[in-house]
Amino acid sequence: MRTYSLMFAYLSNERAEQLTWALRTLKKWMVEKGASLPSVFVSDRDLALINAIETCFPMARHILCIWHINQCVMKKCAPMLGLEWKSFNASWHSLINSSTQWSYQQKWEVMREEYRRFEGVLEYLWETWLHPYKERFIPAWVDTCMHLGSNSSQRAESAHARLKLYLGDTMSSLQTSFEKIHKMLRIQFGDIKKSFERSLNIPRHQHLHDDIFIQVRCRISLEAMEFISGQLKCADEASHQLAGRCTCSIKIVYGLPCEHDLAHYRYYSIPIPLQSIDVHWRRLSMHVHGGNEDGARQNRTSHVIEILDGMDPHMREHMIDKFFDMADPSQSTVRAPAYNTEHRGRPIGKDEQSRRHIPSFEDASTSGSRITQPTTTSLEGEGDGDSRTHWVYSEEGWSQVRLELIEEIQQNKDLYDQLYPDRNLVANLLFSLNWFEPWAPEMYWMDSMPLGIVIASRYNLVLHTFGENIASCFTHLPLRSPPVPNQERREIAIAHVGNHFVQVFLHPHYPVPPIPTWWWQHSSYEAKGWATRYRTRVHLWYEVIGAPSGPGAEFGGNID
């Protein structure tokens, strides 16, 4: 799910009357445009904002940010509890994760009895949070509405941080601010359009060959398909007889069929009905179609037929063949290029191949290992030969990547704090990424070594970095996601040569440098499969360089 910005307001203060004016203006604009009004708001416990929401959107549900609540509870209660804080915090988290009102009541009674000697703590929890607001943050009440898993204001804070990065100087004029905001929205809009196009045109392999997806394939978002795939894995253990009667929260919270519904469909060989998917996941266009999605799709199909009818017969047959290649890759006549598997390394005496500037990150990431022409780009400013690089993009592209890497670190800050022993390194990475003007000074050059794993995790690709010595060569893998099929995997190789970073396009099945030990320590269980794909090629790397390939050597050293 992607975040998009709907409205920006300049306010002289954040009092209730100012916030009420802003929300009323938003509501008026949405009504005039025929847009659906928001049904759920998520914020911290700002009383002025709460009052403004209740005034302008009385029918909407308001959810309190659980992260802010936990921060307040820790700040207030930890000093009073002392050594009891750790066990108390575990009980508190169990309480606020109660899925039923009955379990909430039972857990609260246990906490009151167990910590009755800490009267101030219990009074604070009850008076400040539980009594007035439990319906706004505990799943037993919150999960009775469709909130898509949003129980914190992290999305809004990330969007606010991105806005501040674009605005830069707080003393800019209104015209300058407008232009910067417009640029951000244009990139945001394009990003969302690309995600819609992927959902409409690029089905995953596992969805393409399973008939249960036949009615929803390329008609709902890819993220919804992944949610359903996760539930489908549990469907083997679920009873198909509970379909329609179970109380699984995913049906309400996400608007998607649960494991019991999917077990029912699988048992009776019924494809997942499109109507069982909430309209939120079926909206794959930035344009309003008056609610008639099926009619809009038929109009688009008719338009495509008209275009085909207007082509000459040869071109029409060519386009139809292309369509079938995309719709059913297994029947495609296109095959991977043949290559010679007997050669190793570079032929002796071969002249250095020509070089060209890297046009964009997307060009590099989609080129794969089929291209054999290396590329190079100079570092910005005067380099000293360290392992820093700055990706070269179009004016909007490279700044977009910097923003996305900042977002990756901020959204997974706890993980990266554990990954890097030096906590200042995370702050230094964020600082070096925070530059959006051409020709960055040296302090803002991007360091390919610690950022390698960030890039791999953000874009779900494999990044090989080659330094000027064997010890500085590594393979960076995604930290959280499971491995993708071979035909969908993206691999990028970059070598540091003098003051240049050369993008290297290698032959298929090339030896790869080791995977750092800290990736093994901090990657998720699902992500471990990435390393399995490269184990043989890592051993081949050590055979080529003549070094031992024991467990310690195979997976490299520490990041610092």
Protein backbone atom coordinates (compact mmCIF):
# COMPACT_ATOMS: atom_id res chain seq x y z
CA MET A 1 0.00 0.00 0.00
CA ARG A 2 1.36 3.38 -0.99
CA THR A 3 0.87 6.69 0.76
CA TYR A 4 -0.28 9.70 -1.21
CA SER A 5 -0.82 13.32 -0.14
CA LEU A 6 -4.30 14.74 -0.57
CA MET A 7 -4.06 18.27 0.81
CA PHE A 8 -1.55 20.77 2.21
CA ALA A 9 -2.62 23.62 4.51
CA TYR A 10 -0.68 26.63 5.80
CA LEU A 11 -1.85 27.30 9.38
CA SER A 12 -0.82 30.06 11.76
CA ASN A 13 -1.24 27.64 14.69
CA GLU A 14 -2.59 24.18 15.48
CA ARG A 15 -5.57 25.16 17.60
CA ALA A 16 -8.96 23.53 17.19
CA GLU A 17 -10.47 26.33 15.10
CA GLN A 18 -7.58 26.30 12.61
CA LEU A 19 -7.63 22.50 12.30
CA THR A 20 -11.42 22.54 11.92
CA TRP A 21 -11.13 25.06 9.07
CA ALA A 22 -8.55 22.85 7.32
CA LEU A 23 -10.65 19.69 7.63
CA ARG A 24 -13.83 21.47 6.54
CA THR A 25 -11.99 22.77 3.48
CA LEU A 26 -10.81 19.22 2.71
CA LYS A 27 -14.32 17.83 3.13
CA LYS A 28 -15.83 20.55 0.91
CA TRP A 29 -13.27 19.88 -1.82
CA MET A 30 -13.80 16.09 -1.68
CA VAL A 31 -17.59 16.47 -1.88
CA GLU A 32 -17.26 18.79 -4.90
CA LYS A 33 -14.99 16.26 -6.64
CA GLY A 34 -17.29 13.34 -5.87
CA ALA A 35 -14.59 11.56 -3.85
CA SER A 36 -15.32 9.09 -1.07
CA LEU A 37 -14.99 10.72 2.35
CA PRO A 38 -12.46 9.19 4.75
CA SER A 39 -13.91 6.60 7.09
CA VAL A 40 -10.86 6.20 9.38
CA PHE A 41 -8.42 8.71 10.87
CA VAL A 42 -5.18 7.83 12.69
CA SER A 43 -3.36 10.36 14.87
CA ASP A 44 -1.69 10.85 18.22
CA ARG A 45 -3.70 12.13 21.22
CA ASP A 46 -3.86 15.73 20.07
CA LEU A 47 -7.10 16.93 21.68
CA ALA A 48 -7.51 19.84 19.27
CA LEU A 49 -7.19 17.51 16.28
CA ILE A 50 -9.53 14.95 17.86
CA ASN A 51 -12.19 17.64 18.35
CA ALA A 52 -11.74 18.89 14.77
CA ILE A 53 -12.15 15.36 13.36
CA GLU A 54 -15.29 14.74 15.42
CA THR A 55 -16.73 18.06 14.26
CA CYS A 56 -16.02 17.66 10.52
CA PHE A 57 -16.25 13.87 10.11
CA PRO A 58 -18.63 12.67 12.85
CA MET A 59 -19.22 9.30 11.16
CA ALA A 60 -15.53 8.43 10.78
CA ARG A 61 -13.63 6.16 13.16
CA HIS A 62 -10.65 7.67 14.96
CA ILE A 63 -7.69 5.44 15.88
CA LEU A 64 -4.94 6.52 18.26
CA CYS A 65 -1.34 5.83 17.28
CA ILE A 66 -0.19 2.85 19.34
CA TRP A 67 3.46 3.86 19.02
CA HIS A 68 2.84 7.24 20.67
CA ILE A 69 0.79 5.57 23.40
CA ASN A 70 3.56 3.11 24.21
CA GLN A 71 6.13 5.92 24.28
CA CYS A 72 4.00 7.87 26.76
CA VAL A 73 3.44 4.80 28.93
CA MET A 74 7.14 4.01 29.04
CA LYS A 75 8.12 7.59 29.88
CA LYS A 76 5.54 7.81 32.68
CA CYS A 77 5.59 4.31 34.16
CA ALA A 78 9.15 3.01 33.78
CA PRO A 79 10.60 5.32 36.50
CA MET A 80 7.86 4.27 38.95
CA LEU A 81 8.20 0.54 38.25
CA GLY A 82 12.00 0.24 38.29
CA LEU A 83 13.03 -3.41 37.93
CA GLU A 84 9.38 -4.41 37.46
CA TRP A 85 9.17 -2.49 34.16
CA LYS A 86 10.17 -5.37 31.89
CA SER A 87 7.51 -7.81 33.12
CA PHE A 88 4.95 -5.00 33.35
CA ASN A 89 5.64 -3.96 29.76
CA ALA A 90 5.03 -7.53 28.57
CA SER A 91 1.68 -7.59 30.41
CA TRP A 92 0.77 -4.18 28.99
CA HIS A 93 1.46 -5.29 25.41
CA SER A 94 -0.60 -8.43 25.95
CA LEU A 95 -3.45 -6.24 27.19
CA ILE A 96 -3.41 -3.78 24.31
CA ASN A 97 -3.31 -6.66 21.78
CA SER A 98 -6.52 -8.22 23.14
CA SER A 99 -8.63 -9.47 20.25
CA THR A 100 -11.88 -9.73 22.25
CA GLN A 101 -13.49 -7.58 24.91
CA TRP A 102 -13.65 -10.59 27.22
CA SER A 103 -9.89 -11.25 26.98
CA TYR A 104 -9.23 -7.53 27.55
CA GLN A 105 -11.30 -7.55 30.73
CA GLN A 106 -9.58 -10.68 32.03
CA LYS A 107 -6.08 -9.34 31.35
CA TRP A 108 -6.86 -5.99 32.96
CA GLU A 109 -8.11 -7.70 36.13
CA VAL A 110 -4.89 -9.75 36.28
CA MET A 111 -2.76 -6.61 35.85
CA ARG A 112 -4.66 -4.75 38.57
CA GLU A 113 -4.08 -7.62 40.96
CA GLU A 114 -0.43 -8.20 40.06
CA TYR A 115 0.58 -4.51 40.23
CA ARG A 116 -1.83 -3.26 42.88
CA ARG A 117 1.08 -1.86 44.92
CA PHE A 118 1.83 0.53 42.02
CA GLU A 119 -1.34 2.53 42.40
CA GLY A 120 -0.02 5.53 40.48
CA VAL A 121 0.76 3.39 37.44
CA LEU A 122 -2.65 1.74 37.34
CA GLU A 123 -4.41 5.07 37.84
CA TYR A 124 -2.42 6.62 34.96
CA LEU A 125 -3.26 3.77 32.59
CA TRP A 126 -6.94 3.83 33.46
CA GLU A 127 -7.55 7.58 33.60
CA THR A 128 -5.32 8.60 30.68
CA TRP A 129 -5.75 5.75 28.20
CA LEU A 130 -8.01 2.79 28.95
CA HIS A 131 -11.17 4.41 30.28
CA PRO A 132 -11.48 7.24 27.71
CA TYR A 133 -9.75 5.74 24.68
CA LYS A 134 -9.57 1.92 24.76
CA GLU A 135 -12.03 1.76 21.84
CA ARG A 136 -9.52 3.75 19.76
CA PHE A 137 -6.44 1.54 20.00
CA ILE A 138 -7.24 -1.97 21.29
CA PRO A 139 -7.98 -4.54 18.50
CA ALA A 140 -11.12 -5.82 20.25
CA TRP A 141 -12.78 -2.52 19.24
CA VAL A 142 -10.53 -1.14 16.50
CA ASP A 143 -10.72 -4.27 14.34
CA THR A 144 -14.44 -3.81 13.82
CA CYS A 145 -13.69 -1.40 10.95
CA MET A 146 -11.61 -1.57 7.79
CA HIS A 147 -8.38 0.24 8.66
CA LEU A 148 -5.93 -1.84 6.52
CA GLY A 149 -3.64 -2.49 9.47
CA SER A 150 -3.00 1.22 10.12
CA ASN A 151 -2.70 1.55 13.90
CA SER A 152 0.07 4.15 13.98
CA SER A 153 0.76 7.54 12.42
CA GLN A 154 4.01 6.30 10.87
CA ARG A 155 2.72 6.81 7.33
CA ALA A 156 1.83 10.43 8.02
CA GLU A 157 5.15 11.09 9.73
CA SER A 158 7.09 9.54 6.83
CA ALA A 159 5.11 11.69 4.39
CA HIS A 160 5.81 14.76 6.54
CA ALA A 161 9.54 13.94 6.63
CA ARG A 162 9.56 13.56 2.85
CA LEU A 163 7.80 16.91 2.46
CA LYS A 164 10.38 18.64 4.66
CA LEU A 165 13.19 17.13 2.60
CA TYR A 166 11.67 18.55 -0.55
CA LEU A 167 10.97 21.98 0.95
CA GLY A 168 14.44 22.30 2.44
CA ASP A 169 14.72 25.98 3.46
CA THR A 170 11.84 26.98 5.77
CA MET A 171 12.16 30.59 4.59
CA SER A 172 11.17 29.82 0.98
CA SER A 173 8.46 31.88 -0.67
CA LEU A 174 4.99 30.47 -1.27
CA GLN A 175 5.73 30.19 -4.99
CA THR A 176 8.96 28.24 -4.37
CA SER A 177 7.23 25.97 -1.85
CA PHE A 178 4.40 25.31 -4.28
CA GLU A 179 6.83 24.33 -7.04
CA LYS A 180 8.69 21.92 -4.74
CA ILE A 181 5.45 20.37 -3.47
CA HIS A 182 4.19 20.03 -7.04
CA LYS A 183 7.40 18.24 -8.01
CA MET A 184 7.00 15.83 -5.08
CA LEU A 185 3.37 15.11 -6.01
CA ARG A 186 4.30 14.51 -9.64
CA ILE A 187 6.83 11.87 -8.59
CA GLN A 188 4.34 10.40 -6.12
CA PHE A 189 1.65 10.26 -8.78
CA GLY A 190 3.99 8.52 -11.23
CA ASP A 191 5.02 6.00 -8.59
CA ILE A 192 1.41 5.07 -7.90
CA LYS A 193 0.62 4.80 -11.61
CA LYS A 194 3.54 2.41 -12.06
CA SER A 195 2.29 0.24 -9.20
CA PHE A 196 -1.16 0.13 -10.82
CA GLU A 197 0.34 -0.86 -14.15
CA ARG A 198 2.30 -3.68 -12.52
CA SER A 199 -0.88 -4.97 -10.87
CA LEU A 200 -2.79 -4.82 -14.16
CA ASN A 201 -0.15 -6.32 -16.43
CA ILE A 202 2.43 -8.37 -14.52
CA PRO A 203 0.96 -11.39 -12.69
CA ARG A 204 3.23 -13.32 -10.34
CA HIS A 205 4.26 -16.81 -11.46
CA GLN A 206 2.41 -18.57 -8.61
CA HIS A 207 -0.79 -16.67 -9.44
CA LEU A 208 -0.54 -17.37 -13.16
CA HIS A 209 -0.75 -21.15 -12.84
CA ASP A 210 -3.31 -21.49 -10.04
CA ASP A 211 -6.93 -21.46 -11.27
CA ILE A 212 -8.20 -20.19 -7.92
CA PHE A 213 -6.89 -16.74 -8.95
CA ILE A 214 -8.47 -16.75 -12.41
CA GLN A 215 -11.18 -14.14 -11.62
CA VAL A 216 -8.95 -11.76 -9.63
CA ARG A 217 -5.65 -12.07 -11.52
CA CYS A 218 -4.62 -8.64 -12.90
CA ARG A 219 -7.85 -7.17 -11.53
CA ILE A 220 -6.76 -6.43 -7.96
CA SER A 221 -3.54 -5.00 -6.57
CA LEU A 222 -0.46 -7.20 -6.24
CA GLU A 223 -0.35 -6.50 -2.51
CA ALA A 224 -3.87 -7.91 -2.13
CA MET A 225 -2.75 -10.96 -4.09
CA GLU A 226 0.17 -11.41 -1.68
CA PHE A 227 -2.17 -11.12 1.32
CA ILE A 228 -4.42 -13.77 -0.21
CA SER A 229 -1.42 -16.02 -0.99
CA GLY A 230 -0.41 -15.86 2.67
CA GLN A 231 -3.91 -16.85 3.76
CA LEU A 232 -3.99 -19.58 1.12
CA LYS A 233 -0.96 -21.23 2.74
CA CYS A 234 -2.99 -21.52 5.97
CA ALA A 235 -6.09 -22.76 4.17
CA ASP A 236 -4.86 -26.37 4.17
CA GLU A 237 -5.27 -26.42 7.95
CA ALA A 238 -8.56 -24.48 7.99
CA SER A 239 -12.04 -25.96 7.86
CA HIS A 240 -13.97 -25.13 4.69
CA GLN A 241 -17.19 -25.56 6.70
CA LEU A 242 -16.47 -22.33 8.63
CA ALA A 243 -16.69 -20.18 5.50
CA GLY A 244 -19.12 -17.33 6.10
CA ARG A 245 -19.29 -17.98 9.86
CA CYS A 246 -15.71 -17.43 11.05
CA THR A 247 -14.60 -14.27 12.86
CA CYS A 248 -11.23 -13.80 11.16
CA SER A 249 -10.29 -10.12 11.40
CA ILE A 250 -8.71 -9.98 7.93
CA LYS A 251 -12.17 -9.90 6.32
CA ILE A 252 -13.12 -6.79 8.26
CA VAL A 253 -9.75 -5.07 8.65
CA TYR A 254 -8.48 -5.65 5.10
CA GLY A 255 -11.62 -6.47 3.13
CA LEU A 256 -10.14 -9.75 1.84
CA PRO A 257 -11.22 -13.41 2.08
CA CYS A 258 -9.80 -15.28 5.07
CA GLU A 259 -8.26 -18.76 5.24
CA HIS A 260 -11.66 -20.39 5.90
CA ASP A 261 -13.20 -18.78 2.82
CA LEU A 262 -10.19 -19.82 0.74
CA ALA A 263 -10.38 -23.36 2.11
CA HIS A 264 -14.02 -23.42 1.01
CA TYR A 265 -13.11 -22.19 -2.50
CA ARG A 266 -10.27 -24.69 -2.78
CA TYR A 267 -12.37 -27.61 -1.52
CA TYR A 268 -15.14 -26.97 -4.07
CA SER A 269 -12.75 -25.82 -6.87
CA ILE A 270 -14.32 -22.36 -6.94
CA PRO A 271 -12.23 -19.39 -8.16
CA ILE A 272 -11.99 -16.51 -5.70
CA PRO A 273 -14.96 -14.23 -6.58
CA LEU A 274 -14.01 -10.68 -7.47
CA GLN A 275 -16.90 -9.47 -5.32
CA SER A 276 -15.22 -10.96 -2.22
CA ILE A 277 -12.44 -8.35 -2.60
CA ASP A 278 -13.16 -4.88 -1.24
CA VAL A 279 -13.30 -2.14 -3.88
CA HIS A 280 -10.20 -0.56 -2.29
CA TRP A 281 -8.05 -3.32 -3.78
CA ARG A 282 -9.83 -3.23 -7.17
CA ARG A 283 -9.24 0.46 -7.81
CA LEU A 284 -6.26 0.39 -10.17
CA SER A 285 -6.64 3.74 -11.85
CA MET A 286 -6.04 7.34 -10.78
CA HIS A 287 -9.19 8.39 -12.68
CA VAL A 288 -12.77 8.28 -11.37
CA HIS A 289 -15.00 5.93 -13.35
CA GLY A 290 -18.25 6.76 -11.60
CA GLY A 291 -18.12 3.52 -9.64
CA ASN A 292 -18.77 1.39 -12.74
CA GLU A 293 -15.44 -0.43 -12.92
CA ASP A 294 -16.70 -3.27 -15.11
CA GLY A 295 -18.13 -0.79 -17.62
CA ALA A 296 -14.88 1.18 -17.64
CA ARG A 297 -12.90 -1.99 -18.27
CA GLN A 298 -15.22 -2.93 -21.16
CA ASN A 299 -14.74 0.53 -22.66
CA ARG A 300 -10.96 0.13 -22.48
CA THR A 301 -11.20 -3.31 -24.07
CA SER A 302 -13.36 -1.93 -26.90
CA HIS A 303 -10.84 0.85 -27.47
CA VAL A 304 -8.02 -1.71 -27.73
CA ILE A 305 -10.03 -3.69 -30.30
CA GLU A 306 -10.57 -0.53 -32.33
CA ILE A 307 -6.84 0.16 -32.32
CA LEU A 308 -6.09 -3.39 -33.48
CA ASP A 309 -8.70 -3.20 -36.24
CA GLY A 310 -7.06 -0.04 -37.55
CA MET A 311 -3.64 -1.71 -37.96
CA ASP A 312 -2.38 -3.44 -41.07
CA PRO A 313 -2.75 -7.27 -40.84
CA HIS A 314 0.96 -7.97 -40.30
CA MET A 315 1.27 -5.47 -37.42
CA ARG A 316 -2.01 -6.69 -35.89
CA GLU A 317 -0.79 -10.31 -35.82
CA HIS A 318 2.50 -9.14 -34.31
CA MET A 319 0.71 -7.25 -31.49
CA ILE A 320 -1.60 -10.21 -30.79
CA ASP A 321 1.44 -12.52 -30.52
CA LYS A 322 2.98 -10.06 -28.06
CA PHE A 323 -0.19 -10.11 -25.99
CA PHE A 324 -0.21 -13.89 -25.75
CA ASP A 325 3.48 -13.87 -24.79
CA MET A 326 2.66 -11.61 -21.83
CA ALA A 327 -0.54 -13.43 -20.87
CA ASP A 328 1.04 -16.92 -20.93
CA PRO A 329 4.86 -16.83 -20.77
CA SER A 330 5.01 -20.64 -20.80
CA GLN A 331 3.75 -20.63 -24.41
CA SER A 332 6.05 -17.83 -25.56
CA THR A 333 8.40 -18.47 -28.46
CA VAL A 334 10.97 -16.15 -26.86
CA ARG A 335 13.84 -18.02 -25.20
CA ALA A 336 16.86 -16.99 -23.18
CA PRO A 337 19.97 -16.32 -25.32
CA ALA A 338 22.54 -19.11 -25.62
CA TYR A 339 25.95 -18.58 -24.06
CA ASN A 340 29.23 -20.44 -23.88
CA THR A 341 29.71 -22.09 -20.48
CA GLU A 342 33.30 -23.19 -21.10
CA HIS A 343 34.96 -19.79 -20.80
CA ARG A 344 36.07 -18.36 -17.47
CA GLY A 345 37.27 -14.85 -16.88
CA ARG A 346 38.27 -12.30 -19.45
CA PRO A 347 40.06 -13.47 -22.62
CA ILE A 348 43.78 -12.64 -22.58
CA GLY A 349 44.68 -9.65 -24.72
CA LYS A 350 41.12 -8.47 -25.21
CA ASP A 351 40.96 -4.72 -25.56
CA GLU A 352 39.01 -2.82 -22.97
CA GLN A 353 35.45 -2.38 -24.09
CA SER A 354 33.88 1.01 -24.59
CA ARG A 355 32.22 2.77 -21.71
CA ARG A 356 29.15 4.92 -21.42
CA HIS A 357 27.50 6.91 -18.65
CA ILE A 358 24.81 5.17 -16.61
CA PRO A 359 21.52 6.80 -17.66
CA SER A 360 19.42 5.85 -14.63
CA PHE A 361 19.03 3.40 -11.81
CA GLU A 362 16.03 1.78 -13.51
CA ASP A 363 18.05 1.15 -16.67
CA ALA A 364 20.74 -0.51 -14.59
CA SER A 365 18.35 -2.61 -12.54
CA THR A 366 16.46 -3.98 -15.52
CA SER A 367 19.45 -4.71 -17.73
CA GLY A 368 20.33 -7.95 -15.94
CA SER A 369 23.37 -10.01 -16.87
CA ARG A 370 22.59 -10.21 -20.60
CA ILE A 371 24.38 -6.94 -21.41
CA THR A 372 28.14 -7.21 -21.71
CA GLN A 373 29.12 -3.58 -22.14
CA PRO A 374 30.45 -2.07 -18.87
CA THR A 375 29.52 1.45 -17.86
CA THR A 376 31.20 4.02 -15.69
CA THR A 377 30.49 7.31 -14.02
CA SER A 378 32.71 9.74 -12.18
CA LEU A 379 32.20 10.61 -8.57
CA GLU A 380 30.74 14.01 -7.88
CA GLY A 381 33.36 16.49 -6.74
CA GLU A 382 36.96 15.58 -6.03
CA GLY A 383 37.12 11.98 -4.82
CA ASP A 384 39.79 10.41 -2.67
CA GLY A 385 39.24 6.83 -3.78
CA ASP A 386 37.09 5.68 -0.84
CA SER A 387 34.10 3.39 -1.30
CA ARG A 388 31.51 6.08 -1.87
CA THR A 389 29.29 6.45 -4.88
CA HIS A 390 26.49 8.63 -6.09
CA TRP A 391 23.93 7.07 -8.39
CA VAL A 392 23.38 9.04 -11.61
CA TYR A 393 19.74 9.70 -12.46
CA SER A 394 17.51 12.07 -14.27
CA GLU A 395 16.73 15.20 -12.29
CA GLU A 396 13.76 13.57 -10.59
CA GLY A 397 14.96 9.97 -10.60
CA TRP A 398 18.06 10.20 -8.44
CA SER A 399 16.36 12.42 -5.85
CA GLN A 400 13.48 9.93 -5.75
CA VAL A 401 15.90 7.09 -4.97
CA ARG A 402 17.52 9.12 -2.20
CA LEU A 403 14.08 9.72 -0.70
CA GLU A 404 13.18 6.05 -0.98
CA LEU A 405 16.42 4.97 0.74
CA ILE A 406 15.75 7.47 3.54
CA GLU A 407 12.24 6.06 3.84
CA GLU A 408 13.61 2.50 3.92
CA ILE A 409 15.92 3.35 6.84
CA GLN A 410 13.31 5.36 8.74
CA GLN A 411 10.57 2.75 8.40
CA ASN A 412 12.92 -0.04 9.56
CA LYS A 413 15.09 1.98 11.94
CA ASP A 414 15.04 -0.61 14.73
CA LEU A 415 16.37 -3.23 12.31
CA TYR A 416 19.16 -1.00 10.97
CA ASP A 417 20.09 0.12 14.50
CA GLN A 418 20.72 -3.55 15.32
CA LEU A 419 22.43 -4.19 12.00
CA TYR A 420 25.09 -1.50 12.43
CA PRO A 421 27.06 -1.76 15.73
CA ASP A 422 27.84 1.95 15.57
CA ARG A 423 24.47 3.64 16.12
CA ASN A 424 25.85 6.89 14.65
CA LEU A 425 26.23 5.13 11.33
CA VAL A 426 22.45 5.19 10.78
CA ALA A 427 22.40 8.93 11.43
CA ASN A 428 25.38 9.41 9.11
CA LEU A 429 23.66 7.45 6.34
CA LEU A 430 20.52 9.57 6.67
CA PHE A 431 22.67 12.71 6.61
CA SER A 432 24.54 11.65 3.46
CA LEU A 433 21.27 10.86 1.69
CA ASN A 434 19.73 14.23 2.57
CA TRP A 435 20.90 16.11 -0.54
CA PHE A 436 18.65 16.88 -3.51
CA GLU A 437 20.61 19.44 -5.50
CA PRO A 438 22.94 18.65 -8.44
CA TRP A 439 26.64 18.02 -7.81
CA ALA A 440 26.64 16.89 -4.20
CA PRO A 441 29.59 17.86 -1.97
CA GLU A 442 31.76 14.99 -0.77
CA MET A 443 29.99 14.78 2.60
CA TYR A 444 26.80 13.79 0.75
CA TRP A 445 28.28 11.06 -1.42
CA MET A 446 26.47 7.78 -0.95
CA ASP A 447 28.60 5.03 0.60
CA SER A 448 27.97 1.85 -1.37
CA MET A 449 29.18 -0.51 1.37
CA PRO A 450 26.72 0.18 4.24
CA LEU A 451 24.03 1.28 1.79
CA GLY A 452 24.31 -1.94 -0.22
CA ILE A 453 21.96 -3.86 2.04
CA VAL A 454 19.57 -0.87 2.19
CA ILE A 455 19.41 -0.74 -1.62
CA ALA A 456 18.93 -4.52 -1.87
CA SER A 457 16.13 -4.47 0.73
CA ARG A 458 14.32 -1.45 -0.68
CA TYR A 459 14.29 -2.61 -4.31
CA ASN A 460 14.23 -6.38 -3.64
CA LEU A 461 17.31 -7.01 -5.76
CA VAL A 462 20.84 -8.46 -5.43
CA LEU A 463 23.71 -5.96 -5.38
CA HIS A 464 27.34 -7.06 -5.84
CA THR A 465 29.98 -4.49 -4.84
CA PHE A 466 33.58 -5.03 -5.93
CA GLY A 467 36.33 -3.05 -4.19
CA GLU A 468 39.99 -2.69 -5.09
CA ASN A 469 40.89 -5.71 -2.96
CA ILE A 470 39.27 -9.08 -2.33
CA ALA A 471 38.30 -8.22 1.26
CA SER A 472 36.06 -5.36 0.10
CA CYS A 473 33.91 -7.45 -2.28
CA PHE A 474 30.44 -8.43 -1.06
CA THR A 475 27.04 -9.66 -2.18
CA HIS A 476 24.17 -7.68 -0.62
CA LEU A 477 20.79 -9.42 -0.29
CA PRO A 478 17.34 -8.22 0.85
CA LEU A 479 16.80 -8.44 4.60
CA ARG A 480 13.07 -9.16 4.83
CA SER A 481 11.53 -10.51 1.63
CA PRO A 482 11.54 -14.12 0.39
CA PRO A 483 13.55 -14.87 -2.79
CA VAL A 484 11.87 -14.28 -6.13
CA PRO A 485 11.91 -16.75 -9.06
CA ASN A 486 15.04 -16.77 -11.19
CA GLN A 487 13.35 -15.12 -14.16
CA GLU A 488 12.19 -12.20 -12.00
CA ARG A 489 15.43 -11.69 -10.06
CA ARG A 490 17.40 -8.49 -10.63
CA GLU A 491 21.19 -8.45 -10.14
CA ILE A 492 23.43 -5.38 -10.27
CA ALA A 493 27.24 -5.37 -10.03
CA ILE A 494 29.31 -2.25 -9.30
CA ALA A 495 33.11 -2.06 -9.12
CA HIS A 496 35.21 0.69 -7.53
CA VAL A 497 38.16 1.61 -9.80
CA GLY A 498 40.22 4.64 -8.79
CA ASN A 499 37.85 7.59 -8.53
CA HIS A 500 35.19 5.88 -10.61
CA PHE A 501 32.40 3.43 -9.96
CA VAL A 502 32.00 1.11 -12.91
CA GLN A 503 28.82 -0.83 -13.46
CA VAL A 504 29.89 -4.32 -14.50
CA PHE A 505 27.65 -6.50 -16.67
CA LEU A 506 28.72 -10.09 -16.11
CA HIS A 507 27.90 -13.35 -17.85
CA PRO A 508 25.13 -15.53 -16.39
CA HIS A 509 26.08 -17.79 -13.47
CA TYR A 510 29.20 -15.77 -12.69
CA PRO A 511 31.00 -16.36 -9.35
CA VAL A 512 29.79 -13.98 -6.64
CA PRO A 513 31.65 -12.49 -3.65
CA PRO A 514 30.68 -13.52 -0.11
CA ILE A 515 27.59 -12.52 1.84
CA PRO A 516 28.46 -10.52 5.00
CA THR A 517 28.00 -12.31 8.32
CA TRP A 518 25.76 -9.55 9.63
CA TRP A 519 23.19 -10.34 6.92
CA TRP A 520 22.83 -13.83 8.36
CA GLN A 521 22.46 -12.42 11.87
CA HIS A 522 19.69 -9.94 11.04
CA SER A 523 17.83 -11.23 7.97
CA SER A 524 14.36 -12.72 8.40
CA TYR A 525 13.64 -16.44 8.14
CA GLU A 526 11.86 -15.87 4.81
CA ALA A 527 14.88 -14.03 3.38
CA LYS A 528 17.37 -16.84 4.15
CA GLY A 529 16.42 -18.52 0.86
CA TRP A 530 18.26 -15.77 -1.05
CA ALA A 531 21.61 -17.12 0.19
CA THR A 532 20.75 -20.66 -0.87
CA ARG A 533 20.60 -19.47 -4.50
CA TYR A 534 24.18 -18.18 -4.29
CA ARG A 535 25.93 -20.78 -2.14
CA THR A 536 27.52 -22.65 -5.08
CA ARG A 537 28.56 -19.43 -6.79
CA VAL A 538 30.20 -18.16 -3.59
CA HIS A 539 32.24 -21.37 -3.38
CA LEU A 540 33.20 -20.86 -7.03
CA TRP A 541 34.37 -17.34 -6.14
CA TYR A 542 36.82 -18.76 -3.61
CA GLU A 543 38.01 -21.36 -6.09
CA VAL A 544 38.78 -18.61 -8.59
CA ILE A 545 40.65 -16.37 -6.13
CA GLY A 546 42.34 -19.34 -4.45
CA ALA A 547 41.11 -18.64 -0.91
CA PRO A 548 39.56 -21.06 1.60
CA SER A 549 35.77 -21.20 1.58
CA GLY A 550 34.99 -22.29 5.11
CA PRO A 551 31.90 -21.00 6.94
CA GLY A 552 33.67 -17.93 8.27
CA ALA A 553 35.20 -16.98 4.96
CA GLU A 554 32.19 -17.80 2.83
CA PHE A 555 29.98 -15.16 4.36
CA GLY A 556 32.51 -12.37 4.74
CA GLY A 557 33.37 -10.15 7.65
CA ASN A 558 31.71 -7.36 9.58
CA ILE A 559 30.47 -4.24 7.89
CA ASP A 560 32.96 -2.03 9.65
